[in-house]
């Protein structure tokens, strides 16, 4: 079931980037709360195409464009939680975001990140 049917509204933007931004704004307005965005394996499309550098580069650029929505949507966001196997500073997808915190080795988040010893 798509988000439009589930939340009972219609998005108007044709681009994925526009629809992502609109979804964040509409949900924030509809529920009168800031939005939480969870992104699992943010870099999987790139890694799936790592053997084809030109395709991986195109995907990286598109994802960079898509994820740039998060910076502009800051007033609507409570927090964003992003997971992936590559350190985000090495992939350069989030260069527009300036308030990222790497929790990978933080003792406070060890269990949620899979580190227990």
PDB file of N, CA and C in Angstrom:
ATOM      1  N   UNK A   1       0.845  -1.175   0.000  1.00  0.00           N
ATOM      2  CA  UNK A   1       0.000   0.000   0.000  1.00  0.00           C
ATOM      3  C   UNK A   1       0.891   1.239   0.000  1.00  0.00           C
ATOM      4  N   UNK A   2       0.661   2.144  -0.909  1.00  0.00           N
ATOM      5  CA  UNK A   2       1.454   3.366  -0.996  1.00  0.00           C
ATOM      6  C   UNK A   2       1.087   4.353   0.099  1.00  0.00           C
ATOM      7  N   UNK A   3       2.002   5.277   0.370  1.00  0.00           N
ATOM      8  CA  UNK A   3       1.782   6.266   1.413  1.00  0.00           C
ATOM      9  C   UNK A   3       0.574   7.144   1.122  1.00  0.00           C
ATOM     10  N   UNK A   4       0.251   7.402  -0.146  1.00  0.00           N
ATOM     11  CA  UNK A   4      -0.886   8.245  -0.482  1.00  0.00           C
ATOM     12  C   UNK A   4      -2.189   7.583  -0.057  1.00  0.00           C
ATOM     13  N   UNK A   5      -2.327   6.286  -0.300  1.00  0.00           N
ATOM     14  CA  UNK A   5      -3.532   5.577   0.120  1.00  0.00           C
ATOM     15  C   UNK A   5      -3.595   5.468   1.633  1.00  0.00           C
ATOM     16  N   UNK A   6      -2.473   5.147   2.253  1.00  0.00           N
ATOM     17  CA  UNK A   6      -2.438   4.959   3.701  1.00  0.00           C
ATOM     18  C   UNK A   6      -2.807   6.239   4.443  1.00  0.00           C
ATOM     19  N   UNK A   7      -2.234   7.367   4.008  1.00  0.00           N
ATOM     20  CA  UNK A   7      -2.472   8.643   4.687  1.00  0.00           C
ATOM     21  C   UNK A   7      -3.628   9.433   4.077  1.00  0.00           C
ATOM     22  N   UNK A   8      -4.235   8.928   3.017  1.00  0.00           N
ATOM     23  CA  UNK A   8      -5.403   9.518   2.372  1.00  0.00           C
ATOM     24  C   UNK A   8      -5.167  10.947   1.886  1.00  0.00           C
ATOM     25  N   UNK A   9      -4.136  11.125   1.082  1.00  0.00           N
ATOM     26  CA  UNK A   9      -3.916  12.384   0.389  1.00  0.00           C
ATOM     27  C   UNK A   9      -3.186  12.090  -0.914  1.00  0.00           C
ATOM     28  N   UNK A  10      -3.182  13.053  -1.798  1.00  0.00           N
ATOM     29  CA  UNK A  10      -2.553  12.904  -3.102  1.00  0.00           C
ATOM     30  C   UNK A  10      -1.396  13.883  -3.211  1.00  0.00           C
ATOM     31  N   UNK A  11      -0.207  13.382  -3.566  1.00  0.00           N
ATOM     32  CA  UNK A  11       0.946  14.243  -3.772  1.00  0.00           C
ATOM     33  C   UNK A  11       0.910  14.800  -5.189  1.00  0.00           C
ATOM     34  N   UNK A  12       1.360  16.038  -5.344  1.00  0.00           N
ATOM     35  CA  UNK A  12       1.232  16.694  -6.642  1.00  0.00           C
ATOM     36  C   UNK A  12       2.531  16.765  -7.443  1.00  0.00           C
ATOM     37  N   UNK A  13       3.681  16.643  -6.813  1.00  0.00           N
ATOM     38  CA  UNK A  13       4.951  16.775  -7.522  1.00  0.00           C
ATOM     39  C   UNK A  13       5.256  15.526  -8.346  1.00  0.00           C
ATOM     40  N   UNK A  14       5.743  15.681  -9.574  1.00  0.00           N
ATOM     41  CA  UNK A  14       6.082  14.509 -10.393  1.00  0.00           C
ATOM     42  C   UNK A  14       7.427  13.879 -10.020  1.00  0.00           C
ATOM     43  N   UNK A  15       8.391  14.677  -9.517  1.00  0.00           N
ATOM     44  CA  UNK A  15       9.720  14.140  -9.213  1.00  0.00           C
ATOM     45  C   UNK A  15       9.738  13.478  -7.842  1.00  0.00           C
ATOM     46  N   UNK A  16      10.626  12.485  -7.677  1.00  0.00           N
ATOM     47  CA  UNK A  16      10.762  11.819  -6.378  1.00  0.00           C
ATOM     48  C   UNK A  16      11.198  12.809  -5.300  1.00  0.00           C
ATOM     49  N   UNK A  17      12.136  13.687  -5.648  1.00  0.00           N
ATOM     50  CA  UNK A  17      12.616  14.685  -4.701  1.00  0.00           C
ATOM     51  C   UNK A  17      11.456  15.580  -4.249  1.00  0.00           C
ATOM     52  N   UNK A  18      10.670  16.052  -5.186  1.00  0.00           N
ATOM     53  CA  UNK A  18       9.535  16.903  -4.859  1.00  0.00           C
ATOM     54  C   UNK A  18       8.497  16.187  -4.023  1.00  0.00           C
ATOM     55  N   UNK A  19       8.250  14.930  -4.358  1.00  0.00           N
ATOM     56  CA  UNK A  19       7.257  14.141  -3.613  1.00  0.00           C
ATOM     57  C   UNK A  19       7.742  13.855  -2.184  1.00  0.00           C
ATOM     58  N   UNK A  20       9.040  13.603  -2.034  1.00  0.00           N
ATOM     59  CA  UNK A  20       9.612  13.371  -0.703  1.00  0.00           C
ATOM     60  C   UNK A  20       9.426  14.614   0.167  1.00  0.00           C
ATOM     61  N   UNK A  21       9.773  15.763  -0.381  1.00  0.00           N
ATOM     62  CA  UNK A  21       9.618  17.023   0.351  1.00  0.00           C
ATOM     63  C   UNK A  21       8.145  17.268   0.681  1.00  0.00           C
ATOM     64  N   UNK A  22       7.292  17.080  -0.309  1.00  0.00           N
ATOM     65  CA  UNK A  22       5.858  17.298  -0.094  1.00  0.00           C
ATOM     66  C   UNK A  22       5.309  16.337   0.957  1.00  0.00           C
ATOM     67  N   UNK A  23       5.737  15.080   0.931  1.00  0.00           N
ATOM     68  CA  UNK A  23       5.296  14.093   1.913  1.00  0.00           C
ATOM     69  C   UNK A  23       5.658  14.541   3.322  1.00  0.00           C
ATOM     70  N   UNK A  24       6.875  15.006   3.513  1.00  0.00           N
ATOM     71  CA  UNK A  24       7.308  15.491   4.823  1.00  0.00           C
ATOM     72  C   UNK A  24       6.427  16.649   5.281  1.00  0.00           C
ATOM     73  N   UNK A  25       6.205  17.611   4.422  1.00  0.00           N
ATOM     74  CA  UNK A  25       5.411  18.790   4.786  1.00  0.00           C
ATOM     75  C   UNK A  25       3.955  18.433   5.063  1.00  0.00           C
ATOM     76  N   UNK A  26       3.361  17.588   4.208  1.00  0.00           N
ATOM     77  CA  UNK A  26       1.958  17.220   4.370  1.00  0.00           C
ATOM     78  C   UNK A  26       1.742  16.444   5.675  1.00  0.00           C
ATOM     79  N   UNK A  27       2.637  15.500   5.972  1.00  0.00           N
ATOM     80  CA  UNK A  27       2.499  14.721   7.203  1.00  0.00           C
ATOM     81  C   UNK A  27       2.673  15.601   8.438  1.00  0.00           C
ATOM     82  N   UNK A  28       3.618  16.521   8.377  1.00  0.00           N
ATOM     83  CA  UNK A  28       3.836  17.440   9.492  1.00  0.00           C
ATOM     84  C   UNK A  28       2.583  18.270   9.739  1.00  0.00           C
ATOM     85  N   UNK A  29       1.997  18.768   8.671  1.00  0.00           N
ATOM     86  CA  UNK A  29       0.789  19.581   8.792  1.00  0.00           C
ATOM     87  C   UNK A  29      -0.412  18.747   9.243  1.00  0.00           C
ATOM     88  N   UNK A  30      -0.574  17.573   8.648  1.00  0.00           N
ATOM     89  CA  UNK A  30      -1.718  16.719   8.957  1.00  0.00           C
ATOM     90  C   UNK A  30      -1.746  16.301  10.429  1.00  0.00           C
ATOM     91  N   UNK A  31      -0.579  15.950  10.979  1.00  0.00           N
ATOM     92  CA  UNK A  31      -0.521  15.453  12.353  1.00  0.00           C
ATOM     93  C   UNK A  31      -0.042  16.501  13.350  1.00  0.00           C
ATOM     94  N   UNK A  32       0.247  17.702  12.854  1.00  0.00           N
ATOM     95  CA  UNK A  32       0.696  18.814  13.701  1.00  0.00           C
ATOM     96  C   UNK A  32       1.868  18.396  14.596  1.00  0.00           C
ATOM     97  N   UNK A  33       2.790  17.654  13.990  1.00  0.00           N
ATOM     98  CA  UNK A  33       3.994  17.194  14.683  1.00  0.00           C
ATOM     99  C   UNK A  33       5.147  17.186  13.689  1.00  0.00           C
ATOM    100  N   UNK A  34       6.355  17.325  14.208  1.00  0.00           N
ATOM    101  CA  UNK A  34       7.528  17.175  13.356  1.00  0.00           C
ATOM    102  C   UNK A  34       7.673  15.708  12.967  1.00  0.00           C
ATOM    103  N   UNK A  35       8.331  15.486  11.845  1.00  0.00           N
ATOM    104  CA  UNK A  35       8.425  14.165  11.235  1.00  0.00           C
ATOM    105  C   UNK A  35       9.757  13.487  11.574  1.00  0.00           C
ATOM    106  N   UNK A  36       9.716  12.181  11.726  1.00  0.00           N
ATOM    107  CA  UNK A  36      10.906  11.358  11.894  1.00  0.00           C
ATOM    108  C   UNK A  36      11.131  10.630  10.572  1.00  0.00           C
ATOM    109  N   UNK A  37      12.336  10.716  10.042  1.00  0.00           N
ATOM    110  CA  UNK A  37      12.681  10.032   8.792  1.00  0.00           C
ATOM    111  C   UNK A  37      13.695   8.945   9.125  1.00  0.00           C
ATOM    112  N   UNK A  38      13.386   7.712   8.720  1.00  0.00           N
ATOM    113  CA  UNK A  38      14.269   6.569   8.922  1.00  0.00           C
ATOM    114  C   UNK A  38      14.709   6.069   7.555  1.00  0.00           C
ATOM    115  N   UNK A  39      16.011   6.030   7.325  1.00  0.00           N
ATOM    116  CA  UNK A  39      16.551   5.562   6.051  1.00  0.00           C
ATOM    117  C   UNK A  39      17.501   4.408   6.354  1.00  0.00           C
ATOM    118  N   UNK A  40      17.147   3.227   5.877  1.00  0.00           N
ATOM    119  CA  UNK A  40      17.972   2.041   6.097  1.00  0.00           C
ATOM    120  C   UNK A  40      18.784   1.763   4.833  1.00  0.00           C
ATOM    121  N   UNK A  41      20.069   1.477   5.015  1.00  0.00           N
ATOM    122  CA  UNK A  41      20.982   1.145   3.920  1.00  0.00           C
ATOM    123  C   UNK A  41      20.956   2.227   2.840  1.00  0.00           C
ATOM    124  N   UNK A  42      21.227   3.459   3.259  1.00  0.00           N
ATOM    125  CA  UNK A  42      21.179   4.617   2.368  1.00  0.00           C
ATOM    126  C   UNK A  42      22.047   4.450   1.115  1.00  0.00           C
ATOM    127  N   UNK A  43      23.077   3.641   1.200  1.00  0.00           N
ATOM    128  CA  UNK A  43      24.035   3.520   0.098  1.00  0.00           C
ATOM    129  C   UNK A  43      23.916   2.212  -0.686  1.00  0.00           C
ATOM    130  N   UNK A  44      22.894   1.413  -0.420  1.00  0.00           N
ATOM    131  CA  UNK A  44      22.747   0.119  -1.082  1.00  0.00           C
ATOM    132  C   UNK A  44      22.681   0.234  -2.601  1.00  0.00           C
ATOM    133  N   UNK A  45      21.936   1.176  -3.184  1.00  0.00           N
ATOM    134  CA  UNK A  45      21.926   1.265  -4.657  1.00  0.00           C
ATOM    135  C   UNK A  45      23.316   1.508  -5.253  1.00  0.00           C
ATOM    136  N   UNK A  46      24.134   2.243  -4.545  1.00  0.00           N
ATOM    137  CA  UNK A  46      25.503   2.490  -5.029  1.00  0.00           C
ATOM    138  C   UNK A  46      26.321   1.212  -4.932  1.00  0.00           C
ATOM    139  N   UNK A  47      26.259   0.555  -3.782  1.00  0.00           N
ATOM    140  CA  UNK A  47      27.039  -0.664  -3.579  1.00  0.00           C
ATOM    141  C   UNK A  47      26.608  -1.783  -4.516  1.00  0.00           C
ATOM    142  N   UNK A  48      25.316  -1.850  -4.841  1.00  0.00           N
ATOM    143  CA  UNK A  48      24.831  -2.861  -5.782  1.00  0.00           C
ATOM    144  C   UNK A  48      25.397  -2.654  -7.185  1.00  0.00           C
ATOM    145  N   UNK A  49      25.888  -1.457  -7.460  1.00  0.00           N
ATOM    146  CA  UNK A  49      26.412  -1.133  -8.791  1.00  0.00           C
ATOM    147  C   UNK A  49      27.878  -0.720  -8.758  1.00  0.00           C
ATOM    148  N   UNK A  50      28.579  -1.085  -7.712  1.00  0.00           N
ATOM    149  CA  UNK A  50      29.969  -0.667  -7.537  1.00  0.00           C
ATOM    150  C   UNK A  50      30.872  -1.197  -8.660  1.00  0.00           C
ATOM    151  N   UNK A  51      30.501  -2.310  -9.262  1.00  0.00           N
ATOM    152  CA  UNK A  51      31.271  -2.879 -10.370  1.00  0.00           C
ATOM    153  C   UNK A  51      31.039  -2.125 -11.679  1.00  0.00           C
ATOM    154  N   UNK A  52      30.084  -1.207 -11.684  1.00  0.00           N
ATOM    155  CA  UNK A  52      29.795  -0.367 -12.852  1.00  0.00           C
ATOM    156  C   UNK A  52      29.940   1.089 -12.420  1.00  0.00           C
ATOM    157  N   UNK A  53      31.159   1.614 -12.376  1.00  0.00           N
ATOM    158  CA  UNK A  53      31.432   2.939 -11.817  1.00  0.00           C
ATOM    159  C   UNK A  53      30.577   4.069 -12.392  1.00  0.00           C
ATOM    160  N   UNK A  54      30.314   4.031 -13.691  1.00  0.00           N
ATOM    161  CA  UNK A  54      29.527   5.120 -14.277  1.00  0.00           C
ATOM    162  C   UNK A  54      28.082   5.094 -13.762  1.00  0.00           C
ATOM    163  N   UNK A  55      27.531   3.907 -13.574  1.00  0.00           N
ATOM    164  CA  UNK A  55      26.175   3.773 -13.041  1.00  0.00           C
ATOM    165  C   UNK A  55      26.169   4.153 -11.562  1.00  0.00           C
ATOM    166  N   UNK A  56      27.158   3.689 -10.820  1.00  0.00           N
ATOM    167  CA  UNK A  56      27.260   4.026  -9.394  1.00  0.00           C
ATOM    168  C   UNK A  56      27.355   5.536  -9.207  1.00  0.00           C
ATOM    169  N   UNK A  57      28.118   6.206 -10.074  1.00  0.00           N
ATOM    170  CA  UNK A  57      28.250   7.660  -9.995  1.00  0.00           C
ATOM    171  C   UNK A  57      26.904   8.337 -10.254  1.00  0.00           C
ATOM    172  N   UNK A  58      26.174   7.882 -11.273  1.00  0.00           N
ATOM    173  CA  UNK A  58      24.854   8.458 -11.568  1.00  0.00           C
ATOM    174  C   UNK A  58      23.891   8.266 -10.398  1.00  0.00           C
ATOM    175  N   UNK A  59      23.922   7.088  -9.816  1.00  0.00           N
ATOM    176  CA  UNK A  59      23.051   6.801  -8.665  1.00  0.00           C
ATOM    177  C   UNK A  59      23.439   7.686  -7.489  1.00  0.00           C
ATOM    178  N   UNK A  60      24.736   7.838  -7.255  1.00  0.00           N
ATOM    179  CA  UNK A  60      25.196   8.699  -6.156  1.00  0.00           C
ATOM    180  C   UNK A  60      24.688  10.119  -6.341  1.00  0.00           C
ATOM    181  N   UNK A  61      24.778  10.637  -7.550  1.00  0.00           N
ATOM    182  CA  UNK A  61      24.321  12.001  -7.809  1.00  0.00           C
ATOM    183  C   UNK A  61      22.818  12.131  -7.594  1.00  0.00           C
ATOM    184  N   UNK A  62      22.056  11.125  -8.020  1.00  0.00           N
ATOM    185  CA  UNK A  62      20.600  11.163  -7.832  1.00  0.00           C
ATOM    186  C   UNK A  62      20.237  11.061  -6.353  1.00  0.00           C
ATOM    187  N   UNK A  63      20.923  10.188  -5.620  1.00  0.00           N
ATOM    188  CA  UNK A  63      20.666  10.073  -4.187  1.00  0.00           C
ATOM    189  C   UNK A  63      21.054  11.355  -3.454  1.00  0.00           C
ATOM    190  N   UNK A  64      22.154  11.952  -3.858  1.00  0.00           N
ATOM    191  CA  UNK A  64      22.585  13.219  -3.260  1.00  0.00           C
ATOM    192  C   UNK A  64      21.498  14.276  -3.451  1.00  0.00           C
ATOM    193  N   UNK A  65      20.948  14.338  -4.633  1.00  0.00           N
ATOM    194  CA  UNK A  65      19.853  15.253  -4.940  1.00  0.00           C
ATOM    195  C   UNK A  65      18.624  14.932  -4.080  1.00  0.00           C
ATOM    196  N   UNK A  66      18.286  13.650  -3.980  1.00  0.00           N
ATOM    197  CA  UNK A  66      17.124  13.203  -3.204  1.00  0.00           C
ATOM    198  C   UNK A  66      17.296  13.530  -1.717  1.00  0.00           C
ATOM    199  N   UNK A  67      18.467  13.201  -1.159  1.00  0.00           N
ATOM    200  CA  UNK A  67      18.699  13.425   0.264  1.00  0.00           C
ATOM    201  C   UNK A  67      18.857  14.904   0.612  1.00  0.00           C
ATOM    202  N   UNK A  68      19.099  15.762  -0.381  1.00  0.00           N
ATOM    203  CA  UNK A  68      19.204  17.204  -0.111  1.00  0.00           C
ATOM    204  C   UNK A  68      17.893  17.763   0.427  1.00  0.00           C
ATOM    205  N   UNK A  69      16.810  17.062   0.202  1.00  0.00           N
ATOM    206  CA  UNK A  69      15.506  17.459   0.742  1.00  0.00           C
ATOM    207  C   UNK A  69      15.574  17.591   2.257  1.00  0.00           C
ATOM    208  N   UNK A  70      16.365  16.752   2.897  1.00  0.00           N
ATOM    209  CA  UNK A  70      16.422  16.739   4.358  1.00  0.00           C
ATOM    210  C   UNK A  70      16.918  18.069   4.931  1.00  0.00           C
ATOM    211  N   UNK A  71      17.869  18.702   4.275  1.00  0.00           N
ATOM    212  CA  UNK A  71      18.369  19.988   4.764  1.00  0.00           C
ATOM    213  C   UNK A  71      17.294  21.061   4.662  1.00  0.00           C
ATOM    214  N   UNK A  72      16.641  21.123   3.523  1.00  0.00           N
ATOM    215  CA  UNK A  72      15.597  22.127   3.321  1.00  0.00           C
ATOM    216  C   UNK A  72      14.364  21.869   4.187  1.00  0.00           C
ATOM    217  N   UNK A  73      14.144  20.618   4.567  1.00  0.00           N
ATOM    218  CA  UNK A  73      12.963  20.254   5.349  1.00  0.00           C
ATOM    219  C   UNK A  73      13.210  20.335   6.856  1.00  0.00           C
ATOM    220  N   UNK A  74      14.350  20.831   7.261  1.00  0.00           N
ATOM    221  CA  UNK A  74      14.714  20.862   8.682  1.00  0.00           C
ATOM    222  C   UNK A  74      13.610  21.387   9.604  1.00  0.00           C
ATOM    223  N   UNK A  75      12.868  22.433   9.252  1.00  0.00           N
ATOM    224  CA  UNK A  75      11.817  22.918  10.156  1.00  0.00           C
ATOM    225  C   UNK A  75      10.704  21.896  10.406  1.00  0.00           C
ATOM    226  N   UNK A  76      10.578  20.900   9.535  1.00  0.00           N
ATOM    227  CA  UNK A  76       9.520  19.896   9.651  1.00  0.00           C
ATOM    228  C   UNK A  76       9.998  18.606  10.308  1.00  0.00           C
ATOM    229  N   UNK A  77      11.300  18.502  10.598  1.00  0.00           N
ATOM    230  CA  UNK A  77      11.877  17.244  11.054  1.00  0.00           C
ATOM    231  C   UNK A  77      12.192  17.243  12.542  1.00  0.00           C
ATOM    232  N   UNK A  78      11.781  16.172  13.210  1.00  0.00           N
ATOM    233  CA  UNK A  78      12.176  15.972  14.608  1.00  0.00           C
ATOM    234  C   UNK A  78      13.588  15.389  14.633  1.00  0.00           C
ATOM    235  N   UNK A  79      13.800  14.320  13.861  1.00  0.00           N
ATOM    236  CA  UNK A  79      15.142  13.773  13.665  1.00  0.00           C
ATOM    237  C   UNK A  79      15.134  12.845  12.468  1.00  0.00           C
ATOM    238  N   UNK A  80      16.331  12.553  11.989  1.00  0.00           N
ATOM    239  CA  UNK A  80      16.537  11.646  10.870  1.00  0.00           C
ATOM    240  C   UNK A  80      17.543  10.602  11.333  1.00  0.00           C
ATOM    241  N   UNK A  81      17.237   9.332  11.100  1.00  0.00           N
ATOM    242  CA  UNK A  81      18.137   8.238  11.465  1.00  0.00           C
ATOM    243  C   UNK A  81      18.487   7.494  10.188  1.00  0.00           C
ATOM    244  N   UNK A  82      19.773   7.452   9.864  1.00  0.00           N
ATOM    245  CA  UNK A  82      20.250   6.881   8.614  1.00  0.00           C
ATOM    246  C   UNK A  82      21.228   5.754   8.911  1.00  0.00           C
ATOM    247  N   UNK A  83      21.018   4.602   8.275  1.00  0.00           N
ATOM    248  CA  UNK A  83      21.964   3.500   8.423  1.00  0.00           C
ATOM    249  C   UNK A  83      22.581   3.164   7.069  1.00  0.00           C
ATOM    250  N   UNK A  84      23.777   2.605   7.107  1.00  0.00           N
ATOM    251  CA  UNK A  84      24.464   2.158   5.906  1.00  0.00           C
ATOM    252  C   UNK A  84      25.808   1.580   6.296  1.00  0.00           C
ATOM    253  N   UNK A  85      26.390   0.823   5.388  1.00  0.00           N
ATOM    254  CA  UNK A  85      27.661   0.182   5.710  1.00  0.00           C
ATOM    255  C   UNK A  85      28.864   1.062   5.405  1.00  0.00           C
ATOM    256  N   UNK A  86      28.684   2.088   4.601  1.00  0.00           N
ATOM    257  CA  UNK A  86      29.785   3.010   4.289  1.00  0.00           C
ATOM    258  C   UNK A  86      29.663   4.247   5.163  1.00  0.00           C
ATOM    259  N   UNK A  87      30.790   4.725   5.627  1.00  0.00           N
ATOM    260  CA  UNK A  87      30.781   5.953   6.410  1.00  0.00           C
ATOM    261  C   UNK A  87      30.288   7.094   5.521  1.00  0.00           C
ATOM    262  N   UNK A  88      29.287   7.830   5.989  1.00  0.00           N
ATOM    263  CA  UNK A  88      28.644   8.813   5.115  1.00  0.00           C
ATOM    264  C   UNK A  88      29.583   9.898   4.613  1.00  0.00           C
ATOM    265  N   UNK A  89      30.638  10.210   5.350  1.00  0.00           N
ATOM    266  CA  UNK A  89      31.568  11.237   4.875  1.00  0.00           C
ATOM    267  C   UNK A  89      32.369  10.754   3.669  1.00  0.00           C
ATOM    268  N   UNK A  90      32.506   9.444   3.508  1.00  0.00           N
ATOM    269  CA  UNK A  90      33.255   8.885   2.383  1.00  0.00           C
ATOM    270  C   UNK A  90      32.421   8.826   1.099  1.00  0.00           C
ATOM    271  N   UNK A  91      31.105   8.793   1.228  1.00  0.00           N
ATOM    272  CA  UNK A  91      30.227   8.636   0.076  1.00  0.00           C
ATOM    273  C   UNK A  91      29.803   9.986  -0.500  1.00  0.00           C
ATOM    274  N   UNK A  92      29.877  11.043   0.284  1.00  0.00           N
ATOM    275  CA  UNK A  92      29.556  12.406  -0.145  1.00  0.00           C
ATOM    276  C   UNK A  92      28.099  12.596  -0.563  1.00  0.00           C
ATOM    277  N   UNK A  93      27.200  11.851   0.010  1.00  0.00           N
ATOM    278  CA  UNK A  93      25.780  12.033  -0.296  1.00  0.00           C
ATOM    279  C   UNK A  93      25.161  13.137   0.533  1.00  0.00           C
ATOM    280  N   UNK A  94      25.753  13.418   1.673  1.00  0.00           N
ATOM    281  CA  UNK A  94      25.134  14.329   2.626  1.00  0.00           C
ATOM    282  C   UNK A  94      25.939  15.597   2.832  1.00  0.00           C
ATOM    283  N   UNK A  95      26.671  16.024   1.812  1.00  0.00           N
ATOM    284  CA  UNK A  95      27.520  17.198   1.970  1.00  0.00           C
ATOM    285  C   UNK A  95      26.715  18.449   2.302  1.00  0.00           C
ATOM    286  N   UNK A  96      25.441  18.475   1.921  1.00  0.00           N
ATOM    287  CA  UNK A  96      24.599  19.624   2.237  1.00  0.00           C
ATOM    288  C   UNK A  96      24.115  19.641   3.672  1.00  0.00           C
ATOM    289  N   UNK A  97      24.240  18.528   4.360  1.00  0.00           N
ATOM    290  CA  UNK A  97      23.771  18.453   5.743  1.00  0.00           C
ATOM    291  C   UNK A  97      24.942  18.735   6.672  1.00  0.00           C
ATOM    292  N   UNK A  98      24.744  19.643   7.589  1.00  0.00           N
ATOM    293  CA  UNK A  98      25.861  20.033   8.452  1.00  0.00           C
ATOM    294  C   UNK A  98      25.681  19.624   9.906  1.00  0.00           C
ATOM    295  N   UNK A  99      24.629  18.900  10.227  1.00  0.00           N
ATOM    296  CA  UNK A  99      24.417  18.524  11.617  1.00  0.00           C
ATOM    297  C   UNK A  99      24.306  17.011  11.793  1.00  0.00           C
ATOM    298  N   UNK A 100      25.096  16.269  11.026  1.00  0.00           N
ATOM    299  CA  UNK A 100      25.105  14.817  11.155  1.00  0.00           C
ATOM    300  C   UNK A 100      26.005  14.400  12.304  1.00  0.00           C
ATOM    301  N   UNK A 101      25.590  13.366  12.998  1.00  0.00           N
ATOM    302  CA  UNK A 101      26.390  12.812  14.084  1.00  0.00           C
ATOM    303  C   UNK A 101      26.532  11.318  13.849  1.00  0.00           C
ATOM    304  N   UNK A 102      27.755  10.831  13.784  1.00  0.00           N
ATOM    305  CA  UNK A 102      28.025   9.421  13.577  1.00  0.00           C
ATOM    306  C   UNK A 102      27.935   8.701  14.921  1.00  0.00           C
ATOM    307  N   UNK A 103      26.947   7.817  15.063  1.00  0.00           N
ATOM    308  CA  UNK A 103      26.726   7.094  16.315  1.00  0.00           C
ATOM    309  C   UNK A 103      27.382   5.720  16.320  1.00  0.00           C
ATOM    310  N   UNK A 104      28.070   5.403  15.253  1.00  0.00           N
ATOM    311  CA  UNK A 104      28.594   4.060  15.020  1.00  0.00           C
ATOM    312  C   UNK A 104      29.314   3.459  16.216  1.00  0.00           C
ATOM    313  N   UNK A 105      30.211   4.186  16.839  1.00  0.00           N
ATOM    314  CA  UNK A 105      30.986   3.633  17.953  1.00  0.00           C
ATOM    315  C   UNK A 105      30.665   4.297  19.286  1.00  0.00           C
ATOM    316  N   UNK A 106      29.576   5.019  19.350  1.00  0.00           N
ATOM    317  CA  UNK A 106      29.191   5.683  20.589  1.00  0.00           C
ATOM    318  C   UNK A 106      28.668   4.660  21.600  1.00  0.00           C
ATOM    319  N   UNK A 107      29.240   4.632  22.824  1.00  0.00           N
ATOM    320  CA  UNK A 107      28.772   3.682  23.836  1.00  0.00           C
ATOM    321  C   UNK A 107      27.280   3.826  24.148  1.00  0.00           C
ATOM    322  N   UNK A 108      26.744   5.021  24.028  1.00  0.00           N
ATOM    323  CA  UNK A 108      25.326   5.242  24.319  1.00  0.00           C
ATOM    324  C   UNK A 108      24.412   4.534  23.324  1.00  0.00           C
ATOM    325  N   UNK A 109      24.923   4.262  22.132  1.00  0.00           N
ATOM    326  CA  UNK A 109      24.103   3.644  21.076  1.00  0.00           C
ATOM    327  C   UNK A 109      24.650   2.288  20.646  1.00  0.00           C
ATOM    328  N   UNK A 110      25.484   1.685  21.448  1.00  0.00           N
ATOM    329  CA  UNK A 110      26.159   0.446  21.068  1.00  0.00           C
ATOM    330  C   UNK A 110      25.167  -0.673  20.709  1.00  0.00           C
ATOM    331  N   UNK A 111      24.152  -0.858  21.513  1.00  0.00           N
ATOM    332  CA  UNK A 111      23.220  -1.948  21.268  1.00  0.00           C
ATOM    333  C   UNK A 111      22.443  -1.754  19.975  1.00  0.00           C
ATOM    334  N   UNK A 112      21.940  -0.538  19.755  1.00  0.00           N
ATOM    335  CA  UNK A 112      21.166  -0.284  18.545  1.00  0.00           C
ATOM    336  C   UNK A 112      22.034  -0.401  17.295  1.00  0.00           C
ATOM    337  N   UNK A 113      23.323  -0.148  17.415  1.00  0.00           N
ATOM    338  CA  UNK A 113      24.233  -0.257  16.278  1.00  0.00           C
ATOM    339  C   UNK A 113      24.830  -1.656  16.157  1.00  0.00           C
ATOM    340  N   UNK A 114      24.509  -2.554  17.081  1.00  0.00           N
ATOM    341  CA  UNK A 114      24.952  -3.934  16.965  1.00  0.00           C
ATOM    342  C   UNK A 114      26.267  -4.235  17.677  1.00  0.00           C
ATOM    343  N   UNK A 115      26.756  -3.288  18.472  1.00  0.00           N
ATOM    344  CA  UNK A 115      27.997  -3.522  19.209  1.00  0.00           C
ATOM    345  C   UNK A 115      27.665  -3.729  20.674  1.00  0.00           C
ATOM    346  N   UNK A 116      27.923  -4.923  21.178  1.00  0.00           N
ATOM    347  CA  UNK A 116      27.607  -5.194  22.578  1.00  0.00           C
ATOM    348  C   UNK A 116      28.846  -5.476  23.423  1.00  0.00           C
ATOM    349  N   UNK A 117      29.981  -5.615  22.789  1.00  0.00           N
ATOM    350  CA  UNK A 117      31.221  -5.847  23.548  1.00  0.00           C
ATOM    351  C   UNK A 117      32.285  -4.891  23.072  1.00  0.00           C
TER     352      UNK A 117
END
